[in-house]
Amino acid sequence: FLLSLKLENKTKGKLRKQICQVVLDHFEKQYTTELGDAWSSVRDVLTYPLCWQYAVLLNKFSQPAELENTLSGKGYHPAFQGSLPYLPASLKCYIRRTPGRFPAQKHQAGKLKEYYLLNAASLLPVLALEVKDGEDVLDLCAAPGGKSVAMLQCACPGNFHCNEYDGLRSRWLKQTIESFIPDPLIGLITVSQLDGRQIGDLKPEFYDKVLVDAPCSNDRSWLFSSDTQQAVLRLVQRKGLSSLQFQLLRSAIKALRPGGSLVYSTCTLSKAENSDVINLILNSYSNVMPVDISKMAKTVSQEFTFLSGMQQHELLVLPEKGRAWGPMYVAKLKKM
């Protein structure tokens, strides 16, 4: 009872966070144009944290037998079912229709966490990348580490390089890996703090798979900016993000071996940071081809709402009540 009371107060605290009017006005103008009628229901979810949902990604390296029963008893069910093109049995993620958050676990040195709480849509880039045992994998912008942890639930790469340029976020990434991955496996992981735009030059044609979960205008958190001046500055700097994303993708393509795959993802609805960036890449490279991920999208369409009219190599998850996942943009490319 005390736990649920604590959680309730925590959630109420979240709701008390003020919506930043400057950001909402900016989004209102942009997304009404870009999303049309879909924007009003998306806005209702983004501005009302009490309806947000959290998925529970189980850690195969530290899994108590009773955890799945506990989740089941609380109304959770497996997030990914059916005939997905890629779904390793070792990747287990639970969700439920009702909002709320399973209690988080604190970091304890030398003790592995049993699960990771996340937005279920953030596993779609991992499923699209299809990492297999022995492959050399680069997670170019890896903090806070959820997607890195998820990839390691799926397979054991030959080399696994997790990079994060920002100092604070890099420490967060290291802690996440220590919290979820056992020592023998940590030895196979390289954590670096390099400028992602330079990795292609440092490691040309070295990787089989690259994930670019790019820095973006994070729609969910920006709406609750407590500092209006900072919010205005963010909105000004937003215009430069697509240029950075393009440069990160160019570096990733250089780092990929011919025949290798790349997945690009963001947690924004912004067309300028999503489809426009990918179209610019496809128009700039004759040796980079789009990869069809529509089958994956179709298979998970019971749990996720997608923006219609997207091309086959991309998808955009739209949050809605009862399926409050996303925003999450995913696109897949292959280097010939």
Foldseek 3Di string as FASTA:
>chain_A
DVVVVVQVVVQVVVLPQDFQVVLVVVCVVQCCVVQPPLVVQLVVLLNGSQLAAKKKWFFLVDADPCPVVVCVVVAWDWQADDDAVDDAPLTTMITHLGHGDDDDDDQDQPEADGIDIDFVVVCVQLSVQRDEEAFAEEALAQPLPPSVSNNVSRYQYQAYEYEHQDPVRLVNNVSNCSRRPDDVSVVRYHYYNDLLLCQLVVAFQNGQEYEDADDADQSSVLRSDPDNVVSVVCVVCRVVRLVSLLSSVVSVLRNHHAFHKYKYKYQDPDCSNAVVSVVVVVVVDPQKAWDFNVVNCVSSVVQFPWRPPDDRQKTATRAGRSNRGTRMIMGMMHGD
